[in-house]
Every structure is written in structure tokens, then in C-alpha cells.
Amino acid sequence: MWHPFTQHYTADDPIVITHARGASLFDENAKEYLDLVSSWWVNIHGHAHPYIAQAIAKQANQLEHVMFAGFTHEPAIKLAEALLAIAPAYDKVFFTDNGSTAIEVALKIAYQYWHNQGQNRPRFVAFEGAYHGDTFGAMAVGKTSGYYDPFFDLLQEVTFLPFPATWLEDTTVEEKEAAALIALDLYLEEHANETAALILEPMIQGASGMAMCRPSFVEAVFKRCKTAGVLTIADEIMTGFGRTGKMIACDYLNGVYPDFLCLSKGITGGFLPLAVTLCRDRIYNAFLDETYAKALTHGHSYTANPLACAAALASLDVFEQEQTHQKIAALCQMHQEWAPRLLANPDIERVRHQGTILAFNLKNFNPGQTKKFKSLVIEAGLNIRPLGATVYILPPYCLTAEQLHSAYVRIIDCISQSK
């Protein structure tokens, strides 16, 4: 097997996981690992949650799949209604399979929206360090993330603006935000009429190292684009479903919502691949015509798969059944309590946290030390996957205070040992 994001020439053999429960993974030797990154950010309620598993099993005995062109089904209808209740600023739901394709279809819709109205708008604008997925359109708007160097010649041109990353005790945040907004103003002044859309990860750039910005900055960006007539896309693949403390990160923006909202990862509670792109009726209406030429010719074989939709509906049920928002608030509080101890550690810098996510950088660490740290945390029974010098904790919401405290103690010990 060829594993993702892996240099097999130097990588250790993968660990064989046989089962999981709650916040823990178990390997073939029965060793337990706390899943502190939610298995690439998808698991929100805990592994093998019985309610979601039962919902999938029930659906599998009724309808496992049907093509979504010309047909529909109850799980998709109910899920669309539930998602629009969570994000009432939107009117339409387009189903895809994963975060990258949710972004891809948003980019395509944005471009064709203008094309269908006789406007040629070939430009897109994004932020430095952004990561939006691994399909070609998503790679283009994430070109500066550092993941796509071999493909640069194949990617469309995108303008990248500075991202005002901030952290606790950052004294330069206002200066960085002002510079970024000036850059945006200059861009819009010159290129607004050529630009299809702006895309960003609201509040947290995930894969580039959990770089965080303030919601007021995101709000200012969306307002400027709306005034300039440029569509906006919020990549909430990671931040959706409670990660930032609210159900969606855009809920922090005082009623300022982008034209598109992309969701995936946590949508099914970590059980099955599914993604959605939400938009407004004014976008959808631009594709209505008596001819097929204006239709959106995009789709996937497993679009709106009933099993995945059933899992997503069950996951939303769990939010109510288990008072998940209280668990989210508790995780946020625990991170806040640990932040001063991390700030005081001489080997740690740029501590930042938002909702259930806490991140920091290893100070003055070289690649060899970082690799040693990764080995040590695995030995310590922690599933942590640093992003360069960035260590982050993004756990399932079922993680207890005792488990998180134990994890922090082990992390600090591993940092000390890896020097």
C-alpha cells in the first residue's frame, strides 16, 4: 500500500489499528493511543459510537445507494434540511465526497456563475499558507501551503494575500491585520471585476500549521468583497461542527456570511466520507435555463450516499442527546487552563487556541528533534501528528479532563526528552 503524506523510504512501518472506542485507538498488541488529532480531524463524538453505527446498519438494510441524478432519497432530504437549519444564511446544498471536492465544486460554481451571466472572471484570490485540498482547483488556491511544488506549472494563477496569524500575547496583530486589509483593498481596486471569488479558512488555517486569526479580520474581508462584488468561499472543512466552539466558525462573524460554505470531515462523526457545498439562491438561480448549457455538470458516483447521510443525521442527533456543546465548552476551558503552563515552557512558543483546538510551536527545534518527538509521543501512547514545528491538539469531544491532563503531561515530557 502507498500511504498518504508518507515518504516510504524513511518512514517507519505503519501501526496496525484493530479497534477503537471513545477517544482511544488500539493496535494489534492491545496498546492504547489517545487520538488527539481525531484521526485527521474527522472524529467528533468518539470512535465506534454505537448510535451512529446503528443508524448506518439500519440504513444499509433499506437503501445502501442510488444515483443522485434523477433520484433522491429521505436521508439526503433530511440532512439538507438539517444543514440549512444549522446555517440558515444558505438555501441550497450540493453533495460531494470529501473536503477537496467540496472546495472544487465551490470554485467551479463561482466561476460558472459569472460565465452564465456573460462575464469572464478568471481570477481567484486566497491567503498565504492556505490549504484547501489536493484536487487541481483546490491545489491552485492552496499553492503557498508547501504541499504542491511539483505541480506549480499545471496550476492556474491565483493571487495570495498576507494572512495575519496571531497567538497569545501577540503585540503585532493589529499591524498585521491592517497590512493584510490594505493588500486586499489594493487588489480589489484593480481586479474586482476580473475576480470570481475569494476563498479562506475562517479563523484557522489547518494544514499549514493551525495558524489562527481573529474573527473581526475575517468579517472585514467578507464585507470588503461583498462591497466590491466578489463572491466569497468559506472553507470550513475542518472548523465545522463545533471545532471552534460554535457549530460553524462563521457564526462568530456577527451575521456576515460568505456566499459559499464548504463542510466535510466531522459531518458524519468520522464514520463515512461526505461533504457539502452550501450556497444561496441567487447563485443557484444563475444556473437555471431552458438549455443544458448553463447547468452545473459536476457530480460523483457516490453523491449523497444514503449511508453517509444517515451517519451525518445520527451525528447531529448525538449533539442533542449527549449535550455535545457542553463537552466542547469544557474542552475549551481545559485548553485555557493549560495555556499559561505552555507559555511558561522555554521550549514552546506561539501558543494559541480556539474552541477545542490548541496549538503551539516547538522553539528552536530542528527536523531531527521533531522526528524524535514524533516517535516519543507514539511510544507514550498519543496519536499526534505535528505540522512541521507545530504541535496541536484537536481531540474528539468525548475526551475527558483526566485524559487531556495526562496527555499534556506526556507531551511536555516528550518535548524535554527530544532536545
Protein backbone atom coordinates (compact mmCIF):
# COMPACT_ATOMS: atom_id res chain seq x y z
CA MET A 1 0.00 0.00 0.00
CA TRP A 2 1.05 3.56 -0.75
CA HIS A 3 0.10 5.67 2.25
CA PRO A 4 -0.82 9.38 2.09
CA PHE A 5 1.66 12.12 3.02
CA THR A 6 4.36 9.47 3.57
CA GLN A 7 7.96 9.20 2.39
CA HIS A 8 8.15 5.42 2.41
CA TYR A 9 11.93 5.41 2.01
CA THR A 10 12.40 6.84 5.51
CA ALA A 11 9.08 6.19 7.25
CA ASP A 12 8.58 3.62 9.99
CA ASP A 13 6.19 0.77 9.34
CA PRO A 14 2.59 1.85 9.91
CA ILE A 15 0.92 0.84 13.15
CA VAL A 16 -1.86 -1.71 12.69
CA ILE A 17 -5.01 -0.48 14.45
CA THR A 18 -7.51 -3.22 15.19
CA HIS A 19 -10.27 -1.38 17.03
CA ALA A 20 -11.18 1.91 18.70
CA ARG A 21 -13.55 3.20 21.33
CA GLY A 22 -14.22 6.70 22.58
CA ALA A 23 -11.06 8.81 22.34
CA SER A 24 -8.76 5.79 22.10
CA LEU A 25 -7.24 3.68 19.33
CA PHE A 26 -5.89 0.16 19.99
CA ASP A 27 -3.21 -1.63 17.97
CA GLU A 28 -2.66 -5.31 17.29
CA ASN A 29 -0.70 -5.60 20.54
CA ALA A 30 -3.56 -4.03 22.51
CA LYS A 31 -1.58 -0.82 23.08
CA GLU A 32 -3.80 2.23 23.57
CA TYR A 33 -3.27 5.59 21.85
CA LEU A 34 -5.22 8.72 22.73
CA ASP A 35 -6.45 10.07 19.40
CA LEU A 36 -5.54 13.71 19.97
CA VAL A 37 -5.98 14.67 16.29
CA SER A 38 -9.36 12.96 15.82
CA SER A 39 -7.94 10.76 13.05
CA TRP A 40 -7.25 13.69 10.73
CA TRP A 41 -9.94 15.86 12.30
CA VAL A 42 -12.95 13.72 11.30
CA ASN A 43 -13.98 12.08 14.57
CA ILE A 44 -16.02 14.32 16.84
CA HIS A 45 -18.06 12.14 19.20
CA GLY A 46 -15.59 9.31 19.74
CA HIS A 47 -14.75 6.15 17.85
CA ALA A 48 -17.29 3.40 17.12
CA HIS A 49 -20.14 5.45 18.58
CA PRO A 50 -22.97 2.90 18.86
CA TYR A 51 -25.79 5.27 17.90
CA ILE A 52 -24.16 6.27 14.62
CA ALA A 53 -23.13 2.67 13.88
CA GLN A 54 -26.70 1.52 14.41
CA ALA A 55 -28.05 4.24 12.13
CA ILE A 56 -25.72 3.11 9.34
CA ALA A 57 -26.68 -0.54 9.82
CA LYS A 58 -30.38 0.31 9.71
CA GLN A 59 -29.94 2.34 6.54
CA ALA A 60 -27.84 -0.42 4.92
CA ASN A 61 -30.79 -2.81 5.21
CA GLN A 62 -33.10 -0.32 3.50
CA LEU A 63 -31.12 1.53 0.80
CA GLU A 64 -27.34 1.47 0.51
CA HIS A 65 -27.04 3.73 -2.56
CA VAL A 66 -28.84 5.14 -5.55
CA MET A 67 -27.54 7.53 -8.19
CA PHE A 68 -28.38 11.11 -7.27
CA ALA A 69 -29.07 12.31 -10.81
CA GLY A 70 -32.79 11.88 -11.42
CA PHE A 71 -33.36 10.31 -8.00
CA THR A 72 -33.40 11.45 -4.40
CA HIS A 73 -33.99 9.81 -1.01
CA GLU A 74 -35.09 10.61 2.52
CA PRO A 75 -31.66 10.66 4.24
CA ALA A 76 -30.39 13.30 1.79
CA ILE A 77 -33.57 15.37 2.10
CA LYS A 78 -33.48 15.30 5.89
CA LEU A 79 -29.76 16.07 6.00
CA ALA A 80 -30.11 19.03 3.64
CA GLU A 81 -32.90 20.40 5.85
CA ALA A 82 -30.79 19.86 8.98
CA LEU A 83 -27.73 21.58 7.49
CA LEU A 84 -29.74 24.58 6.35
CA ALA A 85 -31.14 24.83 9.87
CA ILE A 86 -27.56 24.98 11.20
CA ALA A 87 -26.58 27.52 8.53
CA PRO A 88 -29.80 29.42 7.76
CA ALA A 89 -27.99 32.01 5.63
CA TYR A 90 -27.96 29.42 2.82
CA ASP A 91 -30.61 27.93 0.57
CA LYS A 92 -29.06 25.11 -1.46
CA VAL A 93 -26.91 22.06 -0.65
CA PHE A 94 -24.64 20.35 -3.19
CA PHE A 95 -23.32 16.96 -2.02
CA THR A 96 -19.81 15.70 -2.74
CA ASP A 97 -17.44 13.12 -1.27
CA ASN A 98 -14.68 14.92 0.64
CA GLY A 99 -13.30 18.31 1.58
CA SER A 100 -11.26 18.76 -1.57
CA THR A 101 -14.24 18.14 -3.84
CA ALA A 102 -16.43 20.45 -1.75
CA ILE A 103 -13.88 23.18 -2.48
CA GLU A 104 -13.54 22.15 -6.12
CA VAL A 105 -17.26 22.47 -6.77
CA ALA A 106 -17.41 25.84 -4.98
CA LEU A 107 -14.66 27.15 -7.26
CA LYS A 108 -16.42 25.79 -10.33
CA ILE A 109 -19.80 27.19 -9.31
CA ALA A 110 -18.27 30.59 -8.59
CA TYR A 111 -16.58 30.73 -11.99
CA GLN A 112 -19.61 29.45 -13.91
CA TYR A 113 -21.92 31.81 -12.01
CA TRP A 114 -20.21 34.73 -13.74
CA HIS A 115 -19.82 32.83 -17.03
CA ASN A 116 -23.57 32.16 -17.15
CA GLN A 117 -24.13 35.91 -16.91
CA GLY A 118 -21.75 36.68 -19.75
CA GLN A 119 -18.84 37.77 -17.55
CA ASN A 120 -15.31 36.41 -17.84
CA ARG A 121 -13.78 36.36 -14.35
CA PRO A 122 -10.75 34.05 -14.43
CA ARG A 123 -9.09 35.25 -11.23
CA PHE A 124 -9.26 33.82 -7.72
CA VAL A 125 -7.73 35.25 -4.58
CA ALA A 126 -6.64 33.35 -1.45
CA PHE A 127 -4.37 33.75 1.56
CA GLU A 128 -0.73 32.80 2.02
CA GLY A 129 -0.34 29.46 3.73
CA ALA A 130 -3.88 28.30 2.97
CA TYR A 131 -4.55 24.62 2.28
CA HIS A 132 -7.81 23.68 0.58
CA GLY A 133 -7.32 20.11 -0.65
CA ASP A 134 -5.47 18.05 -3.24
CA THR A 135 -7.52 18.27 -6.44
CA PHE A 136 -6.24 20.73 -9.02
CA GLY A 137 -8.51 23.68 -8.34
CA ALA A 138 -8.02 23.24 -4.59
CA MET A 139 -4.26 22.98 -5.09
CA ALA A 140 -4.23 26.23 -7.05
CA VAL A 141 -5.85 28.21 -4.22
CA GLY A 142 -3.57 26.46 -1.73
CA LYS A 143 -0.40 26.87 -3.77
CA THR A 144 1.57 28.56 -0.98
CA SER A 145 0.89 25.83 1.60
CA GLY A 146 4.09 23.98 0.65
CA TYR A 147 2.42 20.74 -0.46
CA TYR A 148 2.28 21.15 -4.24
CA ASP A 149 5.69 22.20 -5.57
CA PRO A 150 5.86 19.53 -8.35
CA PHE A 151 2.56 20.76 -9.80
CA PHE A 152 3.13 24.51 -9.98
CA ASP A 153 3.31 24.58 -13.78
CA LEU A 154 -0.12 22.96 -14.01
CA LEU A 155 -1.96 25.25 -11.60
CA GLN A 156 -4.00 28.30 -12.58
CA GLU A 157 -2.73 31.68 -11.42
CA VAL A 158 -4.08 32.79 -8.05
CA THR A 159 -3.29 35.96 -6.10
CA PHE A 160 -2.26 35.37 -2.49
CA LEU A 161 -2.70 37.93 0.26
CA PRO A 162 -0.87 38.03 3.62
CA PHE A 163 -2.54 36.11 6.45
CA PRO A 164 -2.32 37.87 9.85
CA ALA A 165 -1.58 34.83 12.00
CA THR A 166 -1.72 35.56 15.71
CA TRP A 167 -1.19 33.87 19.07
CA LEU A 168 -1.45 34.57 22.78
CA GLU A 169 0.49 37.66 23.86
CA ASP A 170 0.97 38.74 20.23
CA THR A 171 1.57 42.51 20.23
CA THR A 172 1.69 42.92 16.46
CA VAL A 173 -1.69 41.52 15.45
CA GLU A 174 -3.34 44.85 14.65
CA GLU A 175 -0.41 45.89 12.48
CA LYS A 176 -0.55 42.58 10.56
CA GLU A 177 -4.30 42.81 10.07
CA ALA A 178 -4.06 46.38 8.80
CA ALA A 179 -1.39 45.40 6.26
CA ALA A 180 -3.45 42.43 5.06
CA LEU A 181 -6.57 44.55 4.60
CA ILE A 182 -4.62 47.21 2.72
CA ALA A 183 -3.33 44.48 0.38
CA LEU A 184 -6.90 43.28 -0.13
CA ASP A 185 -8.15 46.81 -0.81
CA LEU A 186 -5.44 47.37 -3.42
CA TYR A 187 -6.22 44.06 -5.08
CA LEU A 188 -9.96 44.71 -5.21
CA GLU A 189 -9.45 48.21 -6.54
CA GLU A 190 -7.55 46.82 -9.51
CA HIS A 191 -9.04 43.37 -10.09
CA ALA A 192 -12.52 43.09 -8.56
CA ASN A 193 -14.27 42.94 -11.95
CA GLU A 194 -11.95 40.10 -13.05
CA THR A 195 -12.27 38.04 -9.88
CA ALA A 196 -14.66 35.12 -9.50
CA ALA A 197 -14.18 34.58 -5.76
CA LEU A 198 -12.04 34.89 -2.67
CA ILE A 199 -11.52 31.80 -0.51
CA LEU A 200 -10.27 31.45 3.04
CA GLU A 201 -10.34 29.17 6.06
CA PRO A 202 -12.21 31.27 8.62
CA MET A 203 -10.18 31.82 11.80
CA ILE A 204 -7.88 28.79 11.46
CA GLN A 205 -5.62 27.66 8.62
CA GLY A 206 -5.39 23.98 9.46
CA ALA A 207 -2.79 22.10 7.44
CA SER A 208 -0.34 24.99 7.25
CA GLY A 209 0.20 24.78 11.00
CA MET A 210 -3.02 25.76 12.79
CA ALA A 211 -2.40 29.44 12.02
CA MET A 212 -5.15 31.46 13.70
CA CYS A 213 -6.60 34.87 13.02
CA ARG A 214 -9.24 36.95 14.76
CA PRO A 215 -12.89 36.74 13.63
CA SER A 216 -13.01 40.52 13.20
CA PHE A 217 -10.42 40.20 10.42
CA VAL A 218 -12.45 37.54 8.59
CA GLU A 219 -15.55 39.70 8.93
CA ALA A 220 -13.71 42.68 7.45
CA VAL A 221 -12.53 40.57 4.49
CA PHE A 222 -16.02 39.34 3.65
CA LYS A 223 -17.50 42.83 3.94
CA ARG A 224 -14.93 44.28 1.55
CA CYS A 225 -15.54 41.54 -1.00
CA LYS A 226 -19.31 42.00 -0.81
CA THR A 227 -18.95 45.72 -1.42
CA ALA A 228 -16.66 45.02 -4.37
CA GLY A 229 -18.99 42.40 -5.88
CA VAL A 230 -16.61 39.47 -5.40
CA LEU A 231 -18.01 36.12 -4.26
CA THR A 232 -16.63 34.59 -1.06
CA ILE A 233 -16.00 30.96 -0.11
CA ALA A 234 -15.55 29.77 3.48
CA ASP A 235 -13.55 26.56 3.75
CA GLU A 236 -14.97 25.09 6.95
CA ILE A 237 -13.89 21.55 6.15
CA MET A 238 -12.03 21.41 9.47
CA THR A 239 -13.72 24.14 11.51
CA GLY A 240 -17.31 22.98 11.01
CA PHE A 241 -19.38 21.07 13.57
CA GLY A 242 -18.08 22.66 16.74
CA ARG A 243 -14.31 22.72 16.38
CA THR A 244 -14.01 26.46 17.05
CA GLY A 245 -16.54 26.49 19.88
CA LYS A 246 -19.55 27.28 17.69
CA MET A 247 -21.28 24.96 15.23
CA ILE A 248 -19.62 26.78 12.34
CA ALA A 249 -16.78 29.28 12.58
CA CYS A 250 -18.74 31.84 10.54
CA ASP A 251 -21.17 32.14 13.45
CA TYR A 252 -18.52 34.38 15.05
CA LEU A 253 -18.91 36.97 12.28
CA ASN A 254 -21.91 38.99 13.51
CA GLY A 255 -24.23 37.95 10.72
CA VAL A 256 -21.68 38.38 7.92
CA TYR A 257 -21.80 35.13 5.95
CA PRO A 258 -19.90 34.25 2.77
CA ASP A 259 -21.60 33.19 -0.45
CA PHE A 260 -20.40 29.58 -0.12
CA LEU A 261 -19.87 27.36 2.92
CA CYS A 262 -17.91 24.11 2.49
CA LEU A 263 -18.25 21.38 5.13
CA SER A 264 -16.85 17.86 5.48
CA LYS A 265 -14.60 15.95 7.95
CA GLY A 266 -16.76 15.91 11.10
CA ILE A 267 -20.03 15.82 9.19
CA THR A 268 -20.57 12.05 9.67
CA GLY A 269 -18.92 11.84 13.08
CA GLY A 270 -15.88 10.22 11.49
CA PHE A 271 -17.69 7.20 10.03
CA LEU A 272 -18.00 7.75 6.27
CA PRO A 273 -16.76 10.22 3.61
CA LEU A 274 -19.20 13.00 2.80
CA ALA A 275 -19.03 16.71 2.03
CA VAL A 276 -21.36 19.55 1.14
CA THR A 277 -21.13 22.94 -0.52
CA LEU A 278 -23.83 25.36 0.61
CA CYS A 279 -24.80 28.44 -1.39
CA ARG A 280 -27.59 30.96 -1.76
CA ASP A 281 -30.49 31.02 -4.18
CA ARG A 282 -29.04 33.90 -6.18
CA ILE A 283 -26.09 31.65 -7.07
CA TYR A 284 -28.32 28.67 -7.87
CA ASN A 285 -30.70 30.74 -9.98
CA ALA A 286 -27.91 31.72 -12.37
CA PHE A 287 -27.78 28.07 -13.50
CA LEU A 288 -31.48 27.81 -14.38
CA ASP A 289 -32.22 27.88 -18.10
CA GLU A 290 -34.19 26.02 -20.75
CA THR A 291 -30.93 24.72 -22.19
CA TYR A 292 -28.48 22.32 -20.56
CA ALA A 293 -25.58 24.65 -21.37
CA LYS A 294 -25.99 26.61 -18.13
CA ALA A 295 -26.37 23.56 -15.88
CA LEU A 296 -23.63 22.57 -13.41
CA THR A 297 -22.07 19.46 -14.94
CA HIS A 298 -20.40 18.16 -11.82
CA GLY A 299 -21.07 15.02 -9.79
CA HIS A 300 -19.71 11.88 -8.17
CA SER A 301 -20.82 8.27 -8.26
CA TYR A 302 -21.47 8.27 -4.51
CA THR A 303 -23.06 11.73 -4.35
CA ALA A 304 -25.36 11.95 -1.30
CA ASN A 305 -24.73 8.31 -0.40
CA PRO A 306 -27.62 7.25 1.89
CA LEU A 307 -25.33 5.51 4.38
CA ALA A 308 -23.19 8.63 4.78
CA CYS A 309 -26.28 10.82 5.05
CA ALA A 310 -27.69 8.52 7.73
CA ALA A 311 -24.41 8.76 9.65
CA ALA A 312 -24.47 12.57 9.41
CA LEU A 313 -28.05 12.74 10.67
CA ALA A 314 -27.16 10.44 13.57
CA SER A 315 -24.14 12.59 14.41
CA LEU A 316 -26.36 15.65 14.60
CA ASP A 317 -28.69 13.70 16.90
CA VAL A 318 -25.76 12.98 19.19
CA PHE A 319 -25.13 16.69 19.59
CA GLU A 320 -28.52 16.91 21.29
CA GLN A 321 -28.55 13.55 23.06
CA GLU A 322 -25.17 13.95 24.71
CA GLN A 323 -25.14 17.72 25.21
CA THR A 324 -22.09 17.93 22.98
CA HIS A 325 -21.87 21.71 23.12
CA GLN A 326 -21.21 21.43 26.86
CA LYS A 327 -18.37 19.00 26.12
CA ILE A 328 -16.97 21.46 23.60
CA ALA A 329 -17.10 24.25 26.19
CA ALA A 330 -15.35 22.01 28.71
CA LEU A 331 -12.52 21.23 26.27
CA CYS A 332 -12.12 24.94 25.57
CA GLN A 333 -11.88 25.64 29.28
CA MET A 334 -9.27 22.90 29.77
CA HIS A 335 -7.11 24.34 27.00
CA GLN A 336 -7.38 27.78 28.58
CA GLU A 337 -6.22 26.38 31.91
CA TRP A 338 -3.18 24.74 30.35
CA ALA A 339 -2.19 27.70 28.17
CA PRO A 340 -0.26 29.58 30.92
CA ARG A 341 1.82 26.47 31.67
CA LEU A 342 2.67 26.11 28.00
CA LEU A 343 3.54 29.80 27.71
CA ALA A 344 5.97 29.39 30.60
CA ASN A 345 7.78 26.46 28.97
CA PRO A 346 11.12 27.63 27.47
CA ASP A 347 10.86 25.10 24.62
CA ILE A 348 7.45 26.36 23.45
CA GLU A 349 6.37 29.50 21.61
CA ARG A 350 3.33 30.97 19.86
CA VAL A 351 0.70 29.25 21.98
CA ARG A 352 -2.76 29.72 20.51
CA HIS A 353 -6.15 28.15 20.99
CA GLN A 354 -9.67 28.44 19.66
CA GLY A 355 -12.52 26.25 20.85
CA THR A 356 -11.41 22.63 21.04
CA ILE A 357 -8.11 23.31 19.25
CA LEU A 358 -4.84 24.26 20.93
CA ALA A 359 -1.53 24.63 19.09
CA PHE A 360 2.00 25.79 19.77
CA ASN A 361 5.38 25.77 18.07
CA LEU A 362 8.48 23.96 19.24
CA LYS A 363 11.11 26.64 19.79
CA ASN A 364 14.48 26.24 18.04
CA PHE A 365 13.77 22.61 17.12
CA ASN A 366 15.49 21.11 14.09
CA PRO A 367 13.93 18.38 11.89
CA GLY A 368 15.83 15.65 13.72
CA GLN A 369 14.42 16.71 17.07
CA THR A 370 10.93 16.98 15.63
CA LYS A 371 11.20 13.45 14.24
CA LYS A 372 12.38 12.22 17.65
CA PHE A 373 9.44 13.99 19.29
CA LYS A 374 7.01 12.23 16.94
CA SER A 375 8.48 8.85 17.88
CA LEU A 376 8.36 9.66 21.58
CA VAL A 377 4.70 10.67 21.59
CA ILE A 378 3.76 7.45 19.80
CA GLU A 379 5.72 5.49 22.42
CA ALA A 380 3.83 7.47 25.06
CA GLY A 381 0.51 6.34 23.62
CA LEU A 382 -0.50 9.59 21.92
CA ASN A 383 -1.67 9.98 18.34
CA ILE A 384 -0.17 13.38 17.48
CA ARG A 385 0.95 14.37 14.00
CA PRO A 386 2.96 17.61 14.16
CA LEU A 387 2.81 20.01 11.23
CA GLY A 388 6.48 20.92 10.94
CA ALA A 389 7.36 22.61 14.22
CA THR A 390 3.68 22.97 15.16
CA VAL A 391 2.20 20.63 17.74
CA TYR A 392 -1.57 20.72 18.03
CA ILE A 393 -4.33 19.02 19.97
CA LEU A 394 -7.68 18.60 18.21
CA PRO A 395 -9.43 15.77 20.07
CA PRO A 396 -12.84 14.09 19.92
CA TYR A 397 -15.31 15.89 22.13
CA CYS A 398 -15.63 12.87 24.41
CA LEU A 399 -12.06 13.33 25.70
CA THR A 400 -12.19 13.67 29.48
CA ALA A 401 -10.40 16.20 31.67
CA GLU A 402 -8.28 13.38 33.10
CA GLN A 403 -7.28 12.18 29.63
CA LEU A 404 -6.38 15.67 28.45
CA HIS A 405 -4.37 16.42 31.59
CA SER A 406 -2.47 13.16 31.16
CA ALA A 407 -1.83 13.96 27.51
CA TYR A 408 -0.39 17.39 28.27
CA VAL A 409 1.93 15.94 30.91
CA ARG A 410 3.19 13.34 28.44
CA ILE A 411 3.59 15.89 25.65
CA ILE A 412 5.74 18.17 27.81
CA ASP A 413 7.84 15.21 28.90
CA CYS A 414 8.36 14.15 25.26
CA ILE A 415 9.45 17.69 24.33
CA SER A 416 12.03 17.63 27.11
CA GLN A 417 13.34 14.20 26.06
CA SER A 418 13.62 15.15 22.38
CA LYS A 419 16.04 18.06 22.94
